[in-house]
C-alpha atoms as a PDB file:
ATOM      1  CA  MET A   1       0.000   0.000   0.000  1.00  0.00           C
ATOM      2  CA  ARG A   2       1.352   3.411  -0.966  1.00  0.00           C
ATOM      3  CA  LEU A   3       1.801   6.162   1.617  1.00  0.00           C
ATOM      4  CA  TRP A   4      -0.520   8.627  -0.106  1.00  0.00           C
ATOM      5  CA  GLU A   5      -3.269   6.014  -0.208  1.00  0.00           C
ATOM      6  CA  THR A   6      -3.383   5.999   3.599  1.00  0.00           C
ATOM      7  CA  LEU A   7      -3.349   9.767   4.151  1.00  0.00           C
ATOM      8  CA  GLY A   8      -7.012   9.590   5.077  1.00  0.00           C
ATOM      9  CA  ASP A   9      -6.024   7.772   8.254  1.00  0.00           C
ATOM     10  CA  GLY A  10      -5.151   9.905  11.246  1.00  0.00           C
ATOM     11  CA  TYR A  11      -2.176   7.757  12.240  1.00  0.00           C
ATOM     12  CA  THR A  12      -0.580   8.222   8.817  1.00  0.00           C
ATOM     13  CA  ARG A  13      -0.983  11.999   8.906  1.00  0.00           C
ATOM     14  CA  ARG A  14       0.488  12.130  12.406  1.00  0.00           C
ATOM     15  CA  ALA A  15       3.396   9.910  11.369  1.00  0.00           C
ATOM     16  CA  LEU A  16       4.079  12.109   8.338  1.00  0.00           C
ATOM     17  CA  ALA A  17       3.969  15.278  10.448  1.00  0.00           C
ATOM     18  CA  GLU A  18       6.277  13.674  13.018  1.00  0.00           C
ATOM     19  CA  ALA A  19       8.697  12.658  10.263  1.00  0.00           C
ATOM     20  CA  VAL A  20       8.869  16.238   8.975  1.00  0.00           C
ATOM     21  CA  LEU A  21       9.346  17.756  12.441  1.00  0.00           C
ATOM     22  CA  VAL A  22      11.963  15.222  13.486  1.00  0.00           C
ATOM     23  CA  GLY A  23      13.771  15.648  10.169  1.00  0.00           C
ATOM     24  CA  VAL A  24      14.017  19.412  10.622  1.00  0.00           C
ATOM     25  CA  LEU A  25      15.051  19.125  14.273  1.00  0.00           C
ATOM     26  CA  CYS A  26      17.699  16.458  13.772  1.00  0.00           C
ATOM     27  CA  GLY A  27      19.023  18.123  10.639  1.00  0.00           C
ATOM     28  CA  ALA A  28      19.671  21.384  12.484  1.00  0.00           C
ATOM     29  CA  VAL A  29      21.140  19.834  15.627  1.00  0.00           C
ATOM     30  CA  GLY A  30      23.180  17.312  13.676  1.00  0.00           C
ATOM     31  CA  VAL A  31      25.259  20.086  12.116  1.00  0.00           C
ATOM     32  CA  HIS A  32      26.649  21.017  15.529  1.00  0.00           C
ATOM     33  CA  VAL A  33      27.168  17.354  16.424  1.00  0.00           C
ATOM     34  CA  VAL A  34      29.175  16.758  13.243  1.00  0.00           C
ATOM     35  CA  LEU A  35      31.201  19.978  13.447  1.00  0.00           C
ATOM     36  CA  ARG A  36      32.119  19.293  17.087  1.00  0.00           C
ATOM     37  CA  ARG A  37      32.802  15.592  16.413  1.00  0.00           C
ATOM     38  CA  LEU A  38      30.253  14.528  19.014  1.00  0.00           C
ATOM     39  CA  SER A  39      28.861  11.493  17.197  1.00  0.00           C
ATOM     40  CA  PHE A  40      30.242   9.088  19.794  1.00  0.00           C
ATOM     41  CA  LEU A  41      28.873  11.166  22.663  1.00  0.00           C
ATOM     42  CA  THR A  42      25.477  11.335  20.957  1.00  0.00           C
ATOM     43  CA  THR A  43      25.506   7.554  20.609  1.00  0.00           C
ATOM     44  CA  ALA A  44      26.227   7.294  24.324  1.00  0.00           C
ATOM     45  CA  LEU A  45      23.335   9.616  25.134  1.00  0.00           C
ATOM     46  CA  THR A  46      20.883   7.614  23.027  1.00  0.00           C
ATOM     47  CA  HIS A  47      21.849   4.359  24.723  1.00  0.00           C
ATOM     48  CA  ALA A  48      22.230   5.761  28.229  1.00  0.00           C
ATOM     49  CA  THR A  49      18.629   6.990  28.305  1.00  0.00           C
ATOM     50  CA  PHE A  50      17.364   3.403  28.199  1.00  0.00           C
ATOM     51  CA  PRO A  51      17.606   2.789  31.983  1.00  0.00           C
ATOM     52  CA  GLY A  52      15.404   5.834  32.475  1.00  0.00           C
ATOM     53  CA  VAL A  53      12.810   4.234  30.214  1.00  0.00           C
ATOM     54  CA  VAL A  54      12.833   1.050  32.285  1.00  0.00           C
ATOM     55  CA  VAL A  55      12.543   2.944  35.575  1.00  0.00           C
ATOM     56  CA  ALA A  56       9.679   4.994  34.138  1.00  0.00           C
ATOM     57  CA  ALA A  57       7.898   1.784  33.164  1.00  0.00           C
ATOM     58  CA  LEU A  58       8.384   0.406  36.665  1.00  0.00           C
ATOM     59  CA  LEU A  59       6.955   3.575  38.212  1.00  0.00           C
ATOM     60  CA  GLY A  60       4.105   3.819  35.721  1.00  0.00           C
ATOM     61  CA  VAL A  61       5.061   7.240  34.330  1.00  0.00           C
ATOM     62  CA  HIS A  62       5.556   8.353  30.718  1.00  0.00           C
ATOM     63  CA  LEU A  63       8.548   6.600  29.152  1.00  0.00           C
ATOM     64  CA  VAL A  64       9.813   9.778  27.485  1.00  0.00           C
ATOM     65  CA  LEU A  65       9.826  11.536  30.864  1.00  0.00           C
ATOM     66  CA  GLY A  66      12.022   8.811  32.318  1.00  0.00           C
ATOM     67  CA  ALA A  67      14.369   8.941  29.334  1.00  0.00           C
ATOM     68  CA  GLY A  68      14.626  12.713  29.568  1.00  0.00           C
ATOM     69  CA  LEU A  69      15.390  12.804  33.288  1.00  0.00           C
ATOM     70  CA  PHE A  70      18.000  10.065  33.029  1.00  0.00           C
ATOM     71  CA  GLY A  71      19.479  11.825  30.015  1.00  0.00           C
ATOM     72  CA  LEU A  72      19.857  15.015  32.045  1.00  0.00           C
ATOM     73  CA  LEU A  73      21.709  12.986  34.666  1.00  0.00           C
ATOM     74  CA  VAL A  74      24.084  11.690  32.003  1.00  0.00           C
ATOM     75  CA  VAL A  75      24.628  15.224  30.676  1.00  0.00           C
ATOM     76  CA  GLY A  76      25.468  16.350  34.207  1.00  0.00           C
ATOM     77  CA  VAL A  77      27.993  13.539  34.609  1.00  0.00           C
ATOM     78  CA  VAL A  78      29.701  14.333  31.300  1.00  0.00           C
ATOM     79  CA  ALA A  79      29.862  18.053  32.108  1.00  0.00           C
ATOM     80  CA  ALA A  80      31.168  17.398  35.631  1.00  0.00           C
ATOM     81  CA  VAL A  81      33.868  15.000  34.456  1.00  0.00           C
ATOM     82  CA  SER A  82      34.937  17.464  31.761  1.00  0.00           C
ATOM     83  CA  GLY A  83      35.272  20.222  34.336  1.00  0.00           C
ATOM     84  CA  ALA A  84      37.182  17.944  36.698  1.00  0.00           C
ATOM     85  CA  ARG A  85      39.686  17.147  33.936  1.00  0.00           C
ATOM     86  CA  GLY A  86      40.425  20.808  33.360  1.00  0.00           C
ATOM     87  CA  GLY A  87      38.975  21.143  29.859  1.00  0.00           C
ATOM     88  CA  GLY A  88      38.093  24.558  28.515  1.00  0.00           C
ATOM     89  CA  GLY A  89      34.451  23.594  28.153  1.00  0.00           C
ATOM     90  CA  ALA A  90      31.857  21.052  29.140  1.00  0.00           C
ATOM     91  CA  LEU A  91      32.288  18.778  26.125  1.00  0.00           C
ATOM     92  CA  PRO A  92      34.787  15.979  25.500  1.00  0.00           C
ATOM     93  CA  SER A  93      35.861  17.687  22.276  1.00  0.00           C
ATOM     94  CA  ALA A  94      36.726  20.807  24.265  1.00  0.00           C
ATOM     95  CA  ALA A  95      39.230  19.007  26.475  1.00  0.00           C
ATOM     96  CA  PRO A  96      42.888  19.657  25.704  1.00  0.00           C
ATOM     97  CA  ALA A  97      44.785  17.007  23.796  1.00  0.00           C
ATOM     98  CA  GLY A  98      46.375  14.469  26.043  1.00  0.00           C
ATOM     99  CA  ARG A  99      45.300  12.714  29.211  1.00  0.00           C
ATOM    100  CA  GLY A 100      42.071  14.656  29.798  1.00  0.00           C
ATOM    101  CA  GLY A 101      40.686  14.043  26.325  1.00  0.00           C
ATOM    102  CA  ARG A 102      41.455  10.337  26.505  1.00  0.00           C
ATOM    103  CA  ASP A 103      39.832  10.025  29.929  1.00  0.00           C
ATOM    104  CA  LEU A 104      36.676  11.753  28.727  1.00  0.00           C
ATOM    105  CA  SER A 105      36.460   9.480  25.716  1.00  0.00           C
ATOM    106  CA  SER A 106      36.749   6.504  28.029  1.00  0.00           C
ATOM    107  CA  VAL A 107      34.032   7.890  30.288  1.00  0.00           C
ATOM    108  CA  THR A 108      31.766   8.309  27.267  1.00  0.00           C
ATOM    109  CA  GLY A 109      32.334   4.691  26.269  1.00  0.00           C
ATOM    110  CA  VAL A 110      31.558   3.473  29.776  1.00  0.00           C
ATOM    111  CA  VAL A 111      28.390   5.586  29.862  1.00  0.00           C
ATOM    112  CA  LEU A 112      27.280   4.074  26.540  1.00  0.00           C
ATOM    113  CA  SER A 113      27.822   0.422  27.421  1.00  0.00           C
ATOM    114  CA  GLY A 114      27.043   0.680  31.121  1.00  0.00           C
ATOM    115  CA  GLY A 115      23.840   2.646  30.666  1.00  0.00           C
ATOM    116  CA  PHE A 116      22.432   0.340  28.033  1.00  0.00           C
ATOM    117  CA  ALA A 117      23.461  -2.761  29.992  1.00  0.00           C
ATOM    118  CA  LEU A 118      21.727  -1.395  33.084  1.00  0.00           C
ATOM    119  CA  GLY A 119      18.536  -0.923  31.103  1.00  0.00           C
ATOM    120  CA  VAL A 120      18.690  -4.444  29.698  1.00  0.00           C
ATOM    121  CA  ALA A 121      19.349  -5.896  33.165  1.00  0.00           C
ATOM    122  CA  LEU A 122      16.409  -4.040  34.683  1.00  0.00           C
ATOM    123  CA  MET A 123      14.157  -5.045  31.796  1.00  0.00           C
ATOM    124  CA  SER A 124      15.088  -8.717  32.006  1.00  0.00           C
ATOM    125  CA  ALA A 125      14.271  -8.749  35.725  1.00  0.00           C
ATOM    126  CA  GLN A 126      10.700  -7.544  35.151  1.00  0.00           C
ATOM    127  CA  ASP A 127       7.615  -8.941  33.453  1.00  0.00           C
ATOM    128  CA  GLY A 128       4.580  -7.398  31.827  1.00  0.00           C
ATOM    129  CA  PHE A 129       5.955  -4.520  29.764  1.00  0.00           C
ATOM    130  CA  THR A 130       8.748  -6.033  27.655  1.00  0.00           C
ATOM    131  CA  LYS A 131       6.838  -5.357  24.433  1.00  0.00           C
ATOM    132  CA  ASP A 132       6.524  -1.630  25.156  1.00  0.00           C
ATOM    133  CA  LEU A 133      10.221  -1.300  25.937  1.00  0.00           C
ATOM    134  CA  THR A 134      11.154  -3.256  22.829  1.00  0.00           C
ATOM    135  CA  ALA A 135       9.107  -0.770  20.805  1.00  0.00           C
ATOM    136  CA  PHE A 136      11.048   2.030  22.480  1.00  0.00           C
ATOM    137  CA  LEU A 137      14.308   0.387  21.407  1.00  0.00           C
ATOM    138  CA  VAL A 138      13.382   0.263  17.716  1.00  0.00           C
ATOM    139  CA  GLY A 139      10.813   3.077  17.575  1.00  0.00           C
ATOM    140  CA  SER A 140       7.267   3.184  16.279  1.00  0.00           C
ATOM    141  CA  ILE A 141       6.516   6.370  14.380  1.00  0.00           C
ATOM    142  CA  LEU A 142       3.175   5.006  13.168  1.00  0.00           C
ATOM    143  CA  THR A 143       1.853   4.960  16.738  1.00  0.00           C
ATOM    144  CA  VAL A 144       2.725   8.594  17.480  1.00  0.00           C
ATOM    145  CA  GLY A 145      -0.190  10.329  19.176  1.00  0.00           C
ATOM    146  CA  THR A 146      -1.368  13.919  19.124  1.00  0.00           C
ATOM    147  CA  ALA A 147       0.379  14.653  22.424  1.00  0.00           C
ATOM    148  CA  ASP A 148       3.685  13.257  21.092  1.00  0.00           C
ATOM    149  CA  LEU A 149       3.325  15.379  17.979  1.00  0.00           C
ATOM    150  CA  ALA A 150       2.710  18.498  20.063  1.00  0.00           C
ATOM    151  CA  ILE A 151       5.782  17.775  22.200  1.00  0.00           C
ATOM    152  CA  THR A 152       7.948  17.360  19.105  1.00  0.00           C
ATOM    153  CA  ALA A 153       6.650  20.632  17.640  1.00  0.00           C
ATOM    154  CA  VAL A 154       7.360  22.561  20.850  1.00  0.00           C
ATOM    155  CA  VAL A 155      10.825  21.032  21.238  1.00  0.00           C
ATOM    156  CA  ALA A 156      11.676  21.772  17.601  1.00  0.00           C
ATOM    157  CA  ALA A 157      10.554  25.398  17.954  1.00  0.00           C
ATOM    158  CA  VAL A 158      12.558  25.936  21.148  1.00  0.00           C
ATOM    159  CA  VAL A 159      15.700  24.198  19.886  1.00  0.00           C
ATOM    160  CA  LEU A 160      15.686  26.018  16.539  1.00  0.00           C
ATOM    161  CA  THR A 161      15.230  29.336  18.350  1.00  0.00           C
ATOM    162  CA  VAL A 162      18.177  28.610  20.653  1.00  0.00           C
ATOM    163  CA  LEU A 163      20.413  27.541  17.763  1.00  0.00           C
ATOM    164  CA  ALA A 164      19.506  30.647  15.769  1.00  0.00           C
ATOM    165  CA  ALA A 165      20.062  32.999  18.712  1.00  0.00           C
ATOM    166  CA  LEU A 166      23.461  31.500  19.603  1.00  0.00           C
ATOM    167  CA  ARG A 167      24.573  30.618  16.083  1.00  0.00           C
ATOM    168  CA  LYS A 168      27.718  32.779  16.010  1.00  0.00           C
ATOM    169  CA  GLU A 169      28.927  31.690  19.443  1.00  0.00           C
ATOM    170  CA  LEU A 170      28.210  28.002  18.869  1.00  0.00           C
ATOM    171  CA  LEU A 171      30.019  27.972  15.522  1.00  0.00           C
ATOM    172  CA  LEU A 172      33.028  29.760  17.002  1.00  0.00           C
ATOM    173  CA  GLY A 173      33.104  27.193  19.792  1.00  0.00           C
ATOM    174  CA  ALA A 174      32.953  24.387  17.251  1.00  0.00           C
ATOM    175  CA  PHE A 175      35.861  25.659  15.148  1.00  0.00           C
ATOM    176  CA  ASP A 176      38.033  27.390  17.767  1.00  0.00           C
ATOM    177  CA  PRO A 177      37.118  26.759  21.435  1.00  0.00           C
ATOM    178  CA  THR A 178      40.226  28.612  22.597  1.00  0.00           C
ATOM    179  CA  ALA A 179      39.211  31.763  20.714  1.00  0.00           C
ATOM    180  CA  LEU A 180      35.722  31.531  22.198  1.00  0.00           C
ATOM    181  CA  TRP A 181      37.188  31.385  25.698  1.00  0.00           C
ATOM    182  CA  ALA A 182      39.683  34.194  24.986  1.00  0.00           C
ATOM    183  CA  ALA A 183      36.922  36.440  23.615  1.00  0.00           C
ATOM    184  CA  GLY A 184      35.182  36.316  26.975  1.00  0.00           C
ATOM    185  CA  TYR A 185      32.216  34.155  26.006  1.00  0.00           C
ATOM    186  CA  PRO A 186      30.912  31.688  28.631  1.00  0.00           C
ATOM    187  CA  ALA A 187      32.415  28.674  26.866  1.00  0.00           C
ATOM    188  CA  ARG A 188      31.406  26.145  29.512  1.00  0.00           C
ATOM    189  CA  LEU A 189      27.818  27.386  29.531  1.00  0.00           C
ATOM    190  CA  LEU A 190      27.636  27.279  25.726  1.00  0.00           C
ATOM    191  CA  ASP A 191      28.987  23.730  25.714  1.00  0.00           C
ATOM    192  CA  LEU A 192      26.357  22.781  28.273  1.00  0.00           C
ATOM    193  CA  VAL A 193      23.702  24.277  25.987  1.00  0.00           C
ATOM    194  CA  VAL A 194      24.943  22.025  23.170  1.00  0.00           C
ATOM    195  CA  LEU A 195      24.771  18.988  25.445  1.00  0.00           C
ATOM    196  CA  LEU A 196      21.232  19.822  26.530  1.00  0.00           C
ATOM    197  CA  VAL A 197      20.100  20.483  22.959  1.00  0.00           C
ATOM    198  CA  VAL A 198      21.513  17.153  21.804  1.00  0.00           C
ATOM    199  CA  GLU A 199      19.909  15.308  24.721  1.00  0.00           C
ATOM    200  CA  VAL A 200      16.491  16.897  24.183  1.00  0.00           C
ATOM    201  CA  THR A 201      16.713  16.061  20.480  1.00  0.00           C
ATOM    202  CA  VAL A 202      17.653  12.457  21.193  1.00  0.00           C
ATOM    203  CA  VAL A 203      14.788  11.987  23.653  1.00  0.00           C
ATOM    204  CA  THR A 204      12.353  13.547  21.179  1.00  0.00           C
ATOM    205  CA  THR A 205      13.595  11.367  18.316  1.00  0.00           C
ATOM    206  CA  VAL A 206      13.619   8.052  20.175  1.00  0.00           C
ATOM    207  CA  PRO A 207       9.845   7.367  19.987  1.00  0.00           C
ATOM    208  CA  ALA A 208      10.063   7.598  16.189  1.00  0.00           C
ATOM    209  CA  VAL A 209      13.142   5.472  15.417  1.00  0.00           C
ATOM    210  CA  GLY A 210      14.187   4.066  18.811  1.00  0.00           C
ATOM    211  CA  THR A 211      17.289   4.383  20.956  1.00  0.00           C
ATOM    212  CA  ILE A 212      19.336   2.139  18.676  1.00  0.00           C
ATOM    213  CA  MET A 213      18.812   4.125  15.462  1.00  0.00           C
ATOM    214  CA  ALA A 214      18.335   7.690  16.753  1.00  0.00           C
ATOM    215  CA  ILE A 215      22.018   8.455  16.203  1.00  0.00           C
ATOM    216  CA  ALA A 216      21.595   7.937  12.441  1.00  0.00           C
ATOM    217  CA  LEU A 217      18.826  10.526  12.212  1.00  0.00           C
ATOM    218  CA  VAL A 218      20.906  13.078  14.128  1.00  0.00           C
ATOM    219  CA  VAL A 219      24.250  12.523  12.400  1.00  0.00           C
ATOM    220  CA  GLY A 220      23.347  11.122   8.965  1.00  0.00           C
ATOM    221  CA  PRO A 221      21.769  14.163   7.248  1.00  0.00           C
ATOM    222  CA  ALA A 222      24.423  16.538   8.607  1.00  0.00           C
ATOM    223  CA  ALA A 223      27.285  14.239   7.602  1.00  0.00           C
ATOM    224  CA  THR A 224      25.791  13.964   4.115  1.00  0.00           C
ATOM    225  CA  ALA A 225      25.331  17.728   3.823  1.00  0.00           C
ATOM    226  CA  ARG A 226      28.937  18.263   4.865  1.00  0.00           C
ATOM    227  CA  LEU A 227      30.088  16.365   1.794  1.00  0.00           C
ATOM    228  CA  TRP A 228      28.383  18.912  -0.446  1.00  0.00           C
ATOM    229  CA  CYS A 229      28.676  22.253   1.352  1.00  0.00           C
ATOM    230  CA  ALA A 230      31.695  24.402   2.198  1.00  0.00           C
ATOM    231  CA  ARG A 231      29.750  26.949   4.279  1.00  0.00           C
ATOM    232  CA  THR A 232      27.785  26.402   7.457  1.00  0.00           C
ATOM    233  CA  GLY A 233      24.639  28.186   6.266  1.00  0.00           C
ATOM    234  CA  PRO A 234      24.038  26.019   3.187  1.00  0.00           C
ATOM    235  CA  MET A 235      25.162  22.972   5.160  1.00  0.00           C
ATOM    236  CA  THR A 236      22.481  23.586   7.791  1.00  0.00           C
ATOM    237  CA  ALA A 237      19.764  24.176   5.199  1.00  0.00           C
ATOM    238  CA  LEU A 238      20.721  21.058   3.234  1.00  0.00           C
ATOM    239  CA  SER A 239      20.954  18.978   6.405  1.00  0.00           C
ATOM    240  CA  MET A 240      17.432  19.975   7.431  1.00  0.00           C
ATOM    241  CA  ALA A 241      16.123  19.282   3.925  1.00  0.00           C
ATOM    242  CA  LEU A 242      17.806  15.873   3.890  1.00  0.00           C
ATOM    243  CA  GLY A 243      16.399  15.110   7.333  1.00  0.00           C
ATOM    244  CA  VAL A 244      12.880  15.759   6.079  1.00  0.00           C
ATOM    245  CA  ALA A 245      13.390  14.011   2.727  1.00  0.00           C
ATOM    246  CA  THR A 246      14.923  10.839   4.152  1.00  0.00           C
ATOM    247  CA  SER A 247      12.285  10.607   6.888  1.00  0.00           C
ATOM    248  CA  VAL A 248       9.402  10.962   4.435  1.00  0.00           C
ATOM    249  CA  ILE A 249      10.975   8.608   1.882  1.00  0.00           C
ATOM    250  CA  GLY A 250      11.650   6.053   4.604  1.00  0.00           C
ATOM    251  CA  LEU A 251       8.049   6.314   5.757  1.00  0.00           C
ATOM    252  CA  ALA A 252       6.868   5.775   2.175  1.00  0.00           C
ATOM    253  CA  VAL A 253       9.148   2.745   1.797  1.00  0.00           C
ATOM    254  CA  SER A 254       7.729   1.374   5.038  1.00  0.00           C
ATOM    255  CA  ALA A 255       4.169   1.739   3.772  1.00  0.00           C
ATOM    256  CA  GLN A 256       4.975   0.319   0.331  1.00  0.00           C
ATOM    257  CA  TRP A 257       6.844  -2.814   1.413  1.00  0.00           C
ATOM    258  CA  ASP A 258       5.489  -3.270   4.934  1.00  0.00           C
ATOM    259  CA  VAL A 259       8.820  -2.951   6.739  1.00  0.00           C
ATOM    260  CA  ALA A 260       9.635  -1.239  10.031  1.00  0.00           C
ATOM    261  CA  ALA A 261       9.409   2.529   9.593  1.00  0.00           C
ATOM    262  CA  GLY A 262      12.418   3.300  11.786  1.00  0.00           C
ATOM    263  CA  GLY A 263      14.624   0.860   9.915  1.00  0.00           C
ATOM    264  CA  ALA A 264      13.423   2.150   6.543  1.00  0.00           C
ATOM    265  CA  ILE A 265      14.212   5.751   7.532  1.00  0.00           C
ATOM    266  CA  VAL A 266      17.719   4.884   8.712  1.00  0.00           C
ATOM    267  CA  LEU A 267      18.429   2.792   5.601  1.00  0.00           C
ATOM    268  CA  THR A 268      17.328   5.729   3.448  1.00  0.00           C
ATOM    269  CA  ILE A 269      19.739   8.003   5.312  1.00  0.00           C
ATOM    270  CA  ALA A 270      22.538   5.477   4.815  1.00  0.00           C
ATOM    271  CA  ALA A 271      21.760   5.254   1.096  1.00  0.00           C
ATOM    272  CA  PHE A 272      21.882   9.043   0.691  1.00  0.00           C
ATOM    273  CA  PHE A 273      25.205   9.190   2.536  1.00  0.00           C
ATOM    274  CA  ALA A 274      26.742   6.360   0.512  1.00  0.00           C
ATOM    275  CA  LEU A 275      25.600   7.933  -2.756  1.00  0.00           C
ATOM    276  CA  SER A 276      27.025  11.298  -1.706  1.00  0.00           C
ATOM    277  CA  LEU A 277      30.369   9.703  -0.913  1.00  0.00           C
ATOM    278  CA  LEU A 278      30.497   8.450  -4.489  1.00  0.00           C
ATOM    279  CA  VAL A 279      29.321  11.524  -6.387  1.00  0.00           C
ATOM    280  CA  ALA A 280      29.971  14.575  -4.188  1.00  0.00           C
ATOM    281  CA  PRO A 281      32.560  17.022  -5.550  1.00  0.00           C
ATOM    282  CA  ARG A 282      36.020  15.943  -4.449  1.00  0.00           C
ATOM    283  CA  VAL A 283      36.820  19.333  -2.932  1.00  0.00           C
ATOM    284  CA  HIS A 284      34.024  18.827  -0.384  1.00  0.00           C
ATOM    285  CA  LEU A 285      34.960  15.295   0.665  1.00  0.00           C
ATOM    286  CA  VAL A 286      35.848  15.012   4.336  1.00  0.00           C
ATOM    287  CA  THR A 287      39.546  14.352   4.865  1.00  0.00           C
ATOM    288  CA  SER A 288      41.695  14.242   7.916  1.00  0.00           C
ATOM    289  CA  ARG A 289      43.843  17.151   6.704  1.00  0.00           C
ATOM    290  CA  SER A 290      41.314  19.711   5.477  1.00  0.00           C
ATOM    291  CA  PRO A 291      37.842  20.075   7.004  1.00  0.00           C
ATOM    292  CA  ALA A 292      34.989  20.312   4.514  1.00  0.00           C
ATOM    293  CA  VAL A 293      33.356  23.239   6.280  1.00  0.00           C
ATOM    294  CA  GLU A 294      34.925  26.576   7.083  1.00  0.00           C
ATOM    295  CA  PRO A 295      33.427  29.064   9.554  1.00  0.00           C
ATOM    296  CA  THR A 296      32.270  32.296   7.997  1.00  0.00           C
ATOM    297  CA  ALA A 297      30.391  35.228   9.409  1.00  0.00           C
ATOM    298  CA  ALA A 298      27.839  35.031   6.639  1.00  0.00           C
ATOM    299  CA  GLY A 299      27.477  31.238   7.003  1.00  0.00           C
END
């Protein structure tokens, strides 16, 4: 059955609206994740929220609320460890090269594996709600309700407003954290804002594609856009457009061939990225010696 043939159903319209909102949100946030090389940290955040989901199920509260609160705890731990190691900001990428940076990377890895393992252990010790938690792992965009859609819309509006208001400072922090600190900007506070924005985005995205695949929706469109764009403004616009396009195409593939929507969306993102690697102009390919994006005042 084709996607447009089911638009008369409320669940299809809600899923399509959720796909568009999540695509825009993840496309915008993903740019900062890619520029700051925070893909590993974002993966840790997506997996570390799972224990919060299990605890929320045990207490009978909304699963997203549990994921969000546990995610805030993880953000606090990462920020605290970064400060304790003497980094210039609250992010692992802001730590100076050497012992501090390696320690923070190790902490991130422990948070990823330990958090997810804790969630699995708690889930295996309980009965009665395994199916719901499994759905949270892989996502279920077709079951998104009106309340979920409203939450996504509010989160997207707030996050996009914050990113627009702090665009200059956040980009400077991404390309030259030392210059940001020397210019008198509150570097640690700005890094904490990035952490919170990423965490809120992850928690908002998880109901659609699940904790396992949320990282692809955050990083994939931005990484693809980076292959084509040499300026941050066009990169952001293309990333948001790709986020929407891949989400909608994935949803259509899901409806056409009756496959999991979350998996179809992520596979579409992977296909776009692989195709871009093959055909993108060579000057914009990401290399270890010359970054594909340069900071500019005009973006």
